Amino acid sequence: MRYLVRARVKPGRETDLLAAIEQQTLGQGSVAEGEYLRNMQDARLHPDNTARWVEVCYCPTPLQEERSYWEEYFDLTRVQDAHDRRKCRDHNGTESWACGDCDCTARLEENLKRTGTSFLESLRGKSE
């Protein structure tokens, strides 16, 4: 399933988050380890100061496995279905693990690119 995640970096955690991204340790130990880095590469910063990204998650509860890794750096303000669950082939049982190669992630991320600014570039700018 895909989720649209909205989150604010916890005060004082910007430098640590950037270091974890640049040292590729963000999410280390998680089954979704590399996904965290991809999420941050694609995340967008919005005028309300929330970072937003599309998260692929196979857990029965949204971000069940990922939540503790994200909450080290972020206050998660909203996690919502990115599209209709009934159409998700993994969720409806049509095709297990379908989200990995499904084109809806690419479409959702393309739509997201047209909003806000690069979260990662903003984070780098704050640390300079």
C-alpha atoms as a PDB file:
ATOM      1  CA  MET A   1       0.000   0.000   0.000  1.00  0.00           C
ATOM      2  CA  ARG A   2       1.102   3.562  -0.570  1.00  0.00           C
ATOM      3  CA  TYR A   3       0.814   6.361   1.920  1.00  0.00           C
ATOM      4  CA  LEU A   4       1.259  10.087   1.654  1.00  0.00           C
ATOM      5  CA  VAL A   5       3.296  11.025   4.720  1.00  0.00           C
ATOM      6  CA  ARG A   6       3.394  14.528   6.161  1.00  0.00           C
ATOM      7  CA  ALA A   7       5.942  15.252   8.836  1.00  0.00           C
ATOM      8  CA  ARG A   8       7.882  18.059  10.498  1.00  0.00           C
ATOM      9  CA  VAL A   9      11.501  17.675  11.496  1.00  0.00           C
ATOM     10  CA  LYS A  10      11.753  17.739  15.273  1.00  0.00           C
ATOM     11  CA  PRO A  11      13.373  20.932  16.564  1.00  0.00           C
ATOM     12  CA  GLY A  12      17.131  20.559  16.730  1.00  0.00           C
ATOM     13  CA  ARG A  13      17.193  17.305  14.701  1.00  0.00           C
ATOM     14  CA  GLU A  14      17.877  18.808  11.266  1.00  0.00           C
ATOM     15  CA  THR A  15      21.657  18.328  11.408  1.00  0.00           C
ATOM     16  CA  ASP A  16      21.349  14.769  12.696  1.00  0.00           C
ATOM     17  CA  LEU A  17      18.803  13.908  10.006  1.00  0.00           C
ATOM     18  CA  LEU A  18      21.005  15.325   7.260  1.00  0.00           C
ATOM     19  CA  ALA A  19      24.007  13.378   8.598  1.00  0.00           C
ATOM     20  CA  ALA A  20      21.969  10.155   8.662  1.00  0.00           C
ATOM     21  CA  ILE A  21      20.918  10.747   5.059  1.00  0.00           C
ATOM     22  CA  GLU A  22      24.380  11.640   3.803  1.00  0.00           C
ATOM     23  CA  GLN A  23      26.058   8.793   5.711  1.00  0.00           C
ATOM     24  CA  GLN A  24      23.286   6.460   4.489  1.00  0.00           C
ATOM     25  CA  THR A  25      22.448   5.323   8.014  1.00  0.00           C
ATOM     26  CA  LEU A  26      18.845   6.542   8.010  1.00  0.00           C
ATOM     27  CA  GLY A  27      16.678   3.480   8.596  1.00  0.00           C
ATOM     28  CA  GLN A  28      19.660   1.242   9.249  1.00  0.00           C
ATOM     29  CA  GLY A  29      18.446  -2.075  10.668  1.00  0.00           C
ATOM     30  CA  SER A  30      15.010  -1.787   9.114  1.00  0.00           C
ATOM     31  CA  VAL A  31      13.771  -4.263   6.507  1.00  0.00           C
ATOM     32  CA  ALA A  32      13.019  -1.185   4.373  1.00  0.00           C
ATOM     33  CA  GLU A  33      16.479   0.310   4.921  1.00  0.00           C
ATOM     34  CA  GLY A  34      17.167   1.788   1.462  1.00  0.00           C
ATOM     35  CA  GLU A  35      13.616   3.036   1.095  1.00  0.00           C
ATOM     36  CA  TYR A  36      14.185   5.750   3.734  1.00  0.00           C
ATOM     37  CA  LEU A  37      16.951   7.318   1.668  1.00  0.00           C
ATOM     38  CA  ARG A  38      14.847   7.213  -1.488  1.00  0.00           C
ATOM     39  CA  ASN A  39      11.960   8.795   0.411  1.00  0.00           C
ATOM     40  CA  MET A  40      14.153  11.681   1.543  1.00  0.00           C
ATOM     41  CA  GLN A  41      15.524  12.154  -1.973  1.00  0.00           C
ATOM     42  CA  ASP A  42      11.962  12.503  -3.302  1.00  0.00           C
ATOM     43  CA  ALA A  43      10.431  14.374  -0.328  1.00  0.00           C
ATOM     44  CA  ARG A  44       9.042  17.846  -0.869  1.00  0.00           C
ATOM     45  CA  LEU A  45       8.937  20.726   1.601  1.00  0.00           C
ATOM     46  CA  HIS A  46       5.654  22.631   1.681  1.00  0.00           C
ATOM     47  CA  PRO A  47       4.928  26.178   2.864  1.00  0.00           C
ATOM     48  CA  ASP A  48       3.439  24.822   6.113  1.00  0.00           C
ATOM     49  CA  ASN A  49       6.942  23.425   6.880  1.00  0.00           C
ATOM     50  CA  THR A  50       5.902  19.820   6.427  1.00  0.00           C
ATOM     51  CA  ALA A  51       7.964  17.381   4.438  1.00  0.00           C
ATOM     52  CA  ARG A  52       5.817  15.120   2.273  1.00  0.00           C
ATOM     53  CA  TRP A  53       6.677  11.876   0.584  1.00  0.00           C
ATOM     54  CA  VAL A  54       5.095   8.715  -0.799  1.00  0.00           C
ATOM     55  CA  GLU A  55       5.847   5.690   1.359  1.00  0.00           C
ATOM     56  CA  VAL A  56       5.420   2.093   0.214  1.00  0.00           C
ATOM     57  CA  CYS A  57       4.551  -0.075   3.204  1.00  0.00           C
ATOM     58  CA  TYR A  58       3.467  -3.703   3.373  1.00  0.00           C
ATOM     59  CA  CYS A  59       2.645  -3.695   7.102  1.00  0.00           C
ATOM     60  CA  PRO A  60      -0.929  -4.414   8.244  1.00  0.00           C
ATOM     61  CA  THR A  61      -0.846  -1.068  10.112  1.00  0.00           C
ATOM     62  CA  PRO A  62       0.480   1.961   8.175  1.00  0.00           C
ATOM     63  CA  LEU A  63       4.196   2.484   8.875  1.00  0.00           C
ATOM     64  CA  GLN A  64       4.133  -0.134  11.606  1.00  0.00           C
ATOM     65  CA  GLU A  65       7.758  -1.103  11.014  1.00  0.00           C
ATOM     66  CA  GLU A  66       9.007   2.295   9.796  1.00  0.00           C
ATOM     67  CA  ARG A  67       7.386   4.565  12.387  1.00  0.00           C
ATOM     68  CA  SER A  68      10.107   4.316  15.061  1.00  0.00           C
ATOM     69  CA  TYR A  69      12.812   5.130  12.499  1.00  0.00           C
ATOM     70  CA  TRP A  70      10.933   8.182  11.240  1.00  0.00           C
ATOM     71  CA  GLU A  71       9.977   9.366  14.717  1.00  0.00           C
ATOM     72  CA  GLU A  72      13.627   9.616  15.682  1.00  0.00           C
ATOM     73  CA  TYR A  73      13.773  12.733  13.472  1.00  0.00           C
ATOM     74  CA  PHE A  74      10.193  13.683  12.624  1.00  0.00           C
ATOM     75  CA  ASP A  75       6.853  14.430  14.184  1.00  0.00           C
ATOM     76  CA  LEU A  76       4.504  12.590  11.838  1.00  0.00           C
ATOM     77  CA  THR A  77       1.563  14.926  11.346  1.00  0.00           C
ATOM     78  CA  ARG A  78      -0.460  12.833   8.887  1.00  0.00           C
ATOM     79  CA  VAL A  79      -0.238   9.439   7.236  1.00  0.00           C
ATOM     80  CA  GLN A  80      -2.981   8.831   4.706  1.00  0.00           C
ATOM     81  CA  ASP A  81      -3.745   6.356   1.948  1.00  0.00           C
ATOM     82  CA  ALA A  82      -2.231   7.744  -1.237  1.00  0.00           C
ATOM     83  CA  HIS A  83      -4.917   6.101  -3.349  1.00  0.00           C
ATOM     84  CA  ASP A  84      -7.954   3.858  -3.132  1.00  0.00           C
ATOM     85  CA  ARG A  85      -7.032   0.659  -1.243  1.00  0.00           C
ATOM     86  CA  ARG A  86      -9.450  -1.366  -3.364  1.00  0.00           C
ATOM     87  CA  LYS A  87      -7.264  -0.645  -6.409  1.00  0.00           C
ATOM     88  CA  CYS A  88      -4.021  -1.687  -4.723  1.00  0.00           C
ATOM     89  CA  ARG A  89      -3.147  -5.111  -6.126  1.00  0.00           C
ATOM     90  CA  ASP A  90      -1.071  -6.018  -3.069  1.00  0.00           C
ATOM     91  CA  HIS A  91      -3.757  -4.943  -0.614  1.00  0.00           C
ATOM     92  CA  ASN A  92      -6.663  -6.605  -2.455  1.00  0.00           C
ATOM     93  CA  GLY A  93      -4.721  -9.862  -2.878  1.00  0.00           C
ATOM     94  CA  THR A  94      -4.472  -9.769  -6.676  1.00  0.00           C
ATOM     95  CA  GLU A  95      -0.652  -9.646  -6.672  1.00  0.00           C
ATOM     96  CA  SER A  96       1.578  -9.977  -3.616  1.00  0.00           C
ATOM     97  CA  TRP A  97       4.291  -7.330  -3.282  1.00  0.00           C
ATOM     98  CA  ALA A  98       2.845  -5.472  -6.279  1.00  0.00           C
ATOM     99  CA  CYS A  99       3.737  -2.057  -4.877  1.00  0.00           C
ATOM    100  CA  GLY A 100       7.426  -2.571  -5.572  1.00  0.00           C
ATOM    101  CA  ASP A 101       7.011  -2.373  -9.340  1.00  0.00           C
ATOM    102  CA  CYS A 102       3.660  -0.646  -9.667  1.00  0.00           C
ATOM    103  CA  ASP A 103       3.552   2.499 -11.765  1.00  0.00           C
ATOM    104  CA  CYS A 104       1.264   4.265  -9.291  1.00  0.00           C
ATOM    105  CA  THR A 105       4.242   5.100  -7.051  1.00  0.00           C
ATOM    106  CA  ALA A 106       5.930   6.835  -9.976  1.00  0.00           C
ATOM    107  CA  ARG A 107       2.714   8.700 -10.852  1.00  0.00           C
ATOM    108  CA  LEU A 108       2.170   9.794  -7.259  1.00  0.00           C
ATOM    109  CA  GLU A 109       5.767  10.956  -6.929  1.00  0.00           C
ATOM    110  CA  GLU A 110       5.561  12.857 -10.226  1.00  0.00           C
ATOM    111  CA  ASN A 111       2.502  14.681  -8.892  1.00  0.00           C
ATOM    112  CA  LEU A 112       4.311  15.406  -5.641  1.00  0.00           C
ATOM    113  CA  LYS A 113       7.318  16.845  -7.541  1.00  0.00           C
ATOM    114  CA  ARG A 114       5.055  19.600  -8.822  1.00  0.00           C
ATOM    115  CA  THR A 115       4.453  20.796  -5.268  1.00  0.00           C
ATOM    116  CA  GLY A 116       6.686  22.527  -2.753  1.00  0.00           C
ATOM    117  CA  THR A 117      10.460  22.450  -3.009  1.00  0.00           C
ATOM    118  CA  SER A 118      13.109  19.802  -2.499  1.00  0.00           C
ATOM    119  CA  PHE A 119      13.129  18.814   1.170  1.00  0.00           C
ATOM    120  CA  LEU A 120      16.699  17.536   0.991  1.00  0.00           C
ATOM    121  CA  GLU A 121      18.003  20.751  -0.610  1.00  0.00           C
ATOM    122  CA  SER A 122      16.191  22.780   2.039  1.00  0.00           C
ATOM    123  CA  LEU A 123      17.709  20.643   4.772  1.00  0.00           C
ATOM    124  CA  ARG A 124      21.185  21.127   3.290  1.00  0.00           C
ATOM    125  CA  GLY A 125      20.608  24.879   3.080  1.00  0.00           C
ATOM    126  CA  LYS A 126      19.697  25.061   6.756  1.00  0.00           C
ATOM    127  CA  SER A 127      22.889  23.293   7.795  1.00  0.00           C
ATOM    128  CA  GLU A 128      25.209  25.621   5.838  1.00  0.00           C
END
